[in-house]
C-alpha cells in the first residue's frame, strides 16, 4: 500500500519562508518522479513544481520561479518544497504526488493510474 504524507504547512506572513515536506512509502521511491501541486479555494488544482528521479527539475509554474525550490532526498524517501518570499496568493492546500512519468507531471490529476497523492497540507499567507 502506497502512503503519501505531507507536513509542515502553517500560517505565515507575507515575505516569510516555509518548507513543506512529503514522505512516501510503499513504492520504489527512486523510480518515481515527484510533484508539488496546490489548490486555492474556488480554483483548479495546479502543478507547482516537478522533479525527476535523478533530481532534475523540468517544470515550475511561472508564478513561483525564483521563490520556490523543489528537492528530494531518496535516502529519506522525501520530497521538499522550500518557499521563500511568500505572497498571499500562495495561500492554498499543497499536495504531494508521485508518478511514473516526469513528462506528464504537470498534468497529473487525482484518479490517474499509477499516480499517488497525499491528503495535503494547508499553507496560509497573511498580508
Protein backbone atom coordinates (compact mmCIF):
# COMPACT_ATOMS: atom_id res chain seq x y z
CA UNK A 1 0.00 0.00 0.00
CA UNK A 2 1.36 3.40 -1.00
CA UNK A 3 1.27 6.13 1.63
CA UNK A 4 1.93 9.78 0.83
CA UNK A 5 2.14 12.12 3.81
CA UNK A 6 2.66 15.88 3.65
CA UNK A 7 3.69 18.03 6.60
CA UNK A 8 4.99 21.46 7.52
CA UNK A 9 2.19 23.73 6.45
CA UNK A 10 1.07 26.65 8.55
CA UNK A 11 0.26 30.33 8.82
CA UNK A 12 2.99 32.81 7.88
CA UNK A 13 3.18 36.48 6.99
CA UNK A 14 3.88 37.78 3.52
CA UNK A 15 7.60 37.81 2.78
CA UNK A 16 8.39 34.94 5.13
CA UNK A 17 9.62 31.45 4.26
CA UNK A 18 8.26 27.97 4.85
CA UNK A 19 9.43 24.47 3.94
CA UNK A 20 6.91 21.72 3.45
CA UNK A 21 7.82 18.06 3.32
CA UNK A 22 6.39 14.83 1.99
CA UNK A 23 7.37 11.26 2.73
CA UNK A 24 6.27 8.33 0.61
CA UNK A 25 6.29 4.64 1.44
CA UNK A 26 5.08 1.52 -0.33
CA UNK A 27 6.79 2.08 -3.68
CA UNK A 28 10.31 2.06 -5.13
CA UNK A 29 10.94 5.72 -4.36
CA UNK A 30 13.96 6.13 -6.63
CA UNK A 31 11.92 5.09 -9.68
CA UNK A 32 9.31 7.82 -9.33
CA UNK A 33 9.02 11.41 -10.38
CA UNK A 34 7.54 13.69 -7.74
CA UNK A 35 5.48 16.83 -7.85
CA UNK A 36 4.02 19.53 -5.66
CA UNK A 37 0.57 20.82 -6.54
CA UNK A 38 -1.71 23.37 -4.94
CA UNK A 39 -5.36 24.26 -4.90
CA UNK A 40 -6.78 27.51 -3.61
CA UNK A 41 -10.47 27.85 -2.69
CA UNK A 42 -12.58 28.18 -5.81
CA UNK A 43 -9.67 27.45 -8.14
CA UNK A 44 -8.42 24.43 -10.04
CA UNK A 45 -5.51 22.41 -8.79
CA UNK A 46 -2.25 23.48 -10.44
CA UNK A 47 1.19 21.96 -10.64
CA UNK A 48 3.75 23.99 -8.72
CA UNK A 49 6.94 22.10 -9.48
CA UNK A 50 8.07 18.65 -10.62
CA UNK A 51 11.32 16.76 -10.05
CA UNK A 52 12.64 13.67 -11.77
CA UNK A 53 14.01 10.57 -10.09
CA UNK A 54 17.53 11.94 -10.64
CA UNK A 55 16.81 15.40 -9.27
CA UNK A 56 16.33 17.43 -12.43
CA UNK A 57 13.53 19.97 -12.33
CA UNK A 58 11.90 20.22 -15.74
CA UNK A 59 8.87 22.19 -14.58
CA UNK A 60 7.97 25.02 -12.24
CA UNK A 61 4.96 27.29 -12.67
CA UNK A 62 5.98 30.83 -13.63
CA UNK A 63 4.45 32.41 -10.52
CA UNK A 64 6.91 30.62 -8.19
CA UNK A 65 10.11 30.75 -10.24
CA UNK A 66 12.89 32.35 -8.24
CA UNK A 67 10.96 31.88 -4.98
CA UNK A 68 10.18 28.15 -4.59
CA UNK A 69 12.63 25.25 -4.81
CA UNK A 70 11.73 21.59 -5.04
CA UNK A 71 14.22 18.96 -3.89
CA UNK A 72 14.28 15.30 -2.98
CA UNK A 73 16.23 13.01 -0.69
CA UNK A 74 15.96 9.46 -1.97
CA UNK A 75 17.59 8.01 1.15
CA UNK A 76 14.85 9.55 3.30
CA UNK A 77 12.10 8.87 0.75
CA UNK A 78 11.22 12.53 0.99
CA UNK A 79 10.48 15.50 -1.25
CA UNK A 80 10.56 19.10 -0.12
CA UNK A 81 9.28 22.47 -1.26
CA UNK A 82 11.22 25.44 0.04
CA UNK A 83 9.03 28.51 -0.29
CA UNK A 84 10.60 31.95 0.08
CA UNK A 85 9.15 35.44 -0.26
CA UNK A 86 5.66 34.07 0.24
CA UNK A 87 2.70 36.06 -1.03
CA UNK A 88 -0.97 35.98 -0.01
CA UNK A 89 -1.76 34.47 -3.44
CA UNK A 90 0.33 31.43 -2.46
CA UNK A 91 -2.36 30.53 0.06
CA UNK A 92 -3.64 27.06 -0.83
CA UNK A 93 -3.74 23.41 0.10
CA UNK A 94 -0.47 21.91 -1.09
CA UNK A 95 -0.39 18.33 -2.30
CA UNK A 96 2.47 15.95 -2.99
CA UNK A 97 2.24 13.31 -5.71
CA UNK A 98 4.39 10.51 -7.10
CA UNK A 99 4.11 9.22 -10.65
CA UNK A 100 5.91 7.14 -13.21
CA UNK A 101 6.44 9.72 -15.96
CA UNK A 102 8.08 13.08 -15.32
CA UNK A 103 6.99 14.35 -18.75
CA UNK A 104 3.33 14.25 -17.74
CA UNK A 105 3.82 15.55 -14.21
CA UNK A 106 2.26 19.00 -14.73
CA UNK A 107 -1.00 17.37 -15.82
CA UNK A 108 -1.27 14.69 -13.13
CA UNK A 109 -4.71 14.53 -11.58
CA UNK A 110 -6.35 12.56 -8.77
CA UNK A 111 -7.55 9.25 -10.14
CA UNK A 112 -4.79 8.93 -12.72
CA UNK A 113 -3.42 5.43 -12.97
CA UNK A 114 -0.12 4.98 -11.11
CA UNK A 115 -0.15 8.49 -9.64
CA UNK A 116 -0.27 8.60 -5.87
CA UNK A 117 -1.50 11.59 -3.86
CA UNK A 118 -1.35 12.75 -0.29
CA UNK A 119 -4.09 14.45 1.71
CA UNK A 120 -2.43 17.86 1.57
CA UNK A 121 -1.02 20.44 3.96
CA UNK A 122 -2.50 23.92 4.29
CA UNK A 123 -0.34 26.97 3.68
CA UNK A 124 -1.83 30.33 4.58
CA UNK A 125 -0.02 33.59 3.91
CA UNK A 126 -1.36 36.70 5.59
CA UNK A 127 -0.81 40.20 4.21
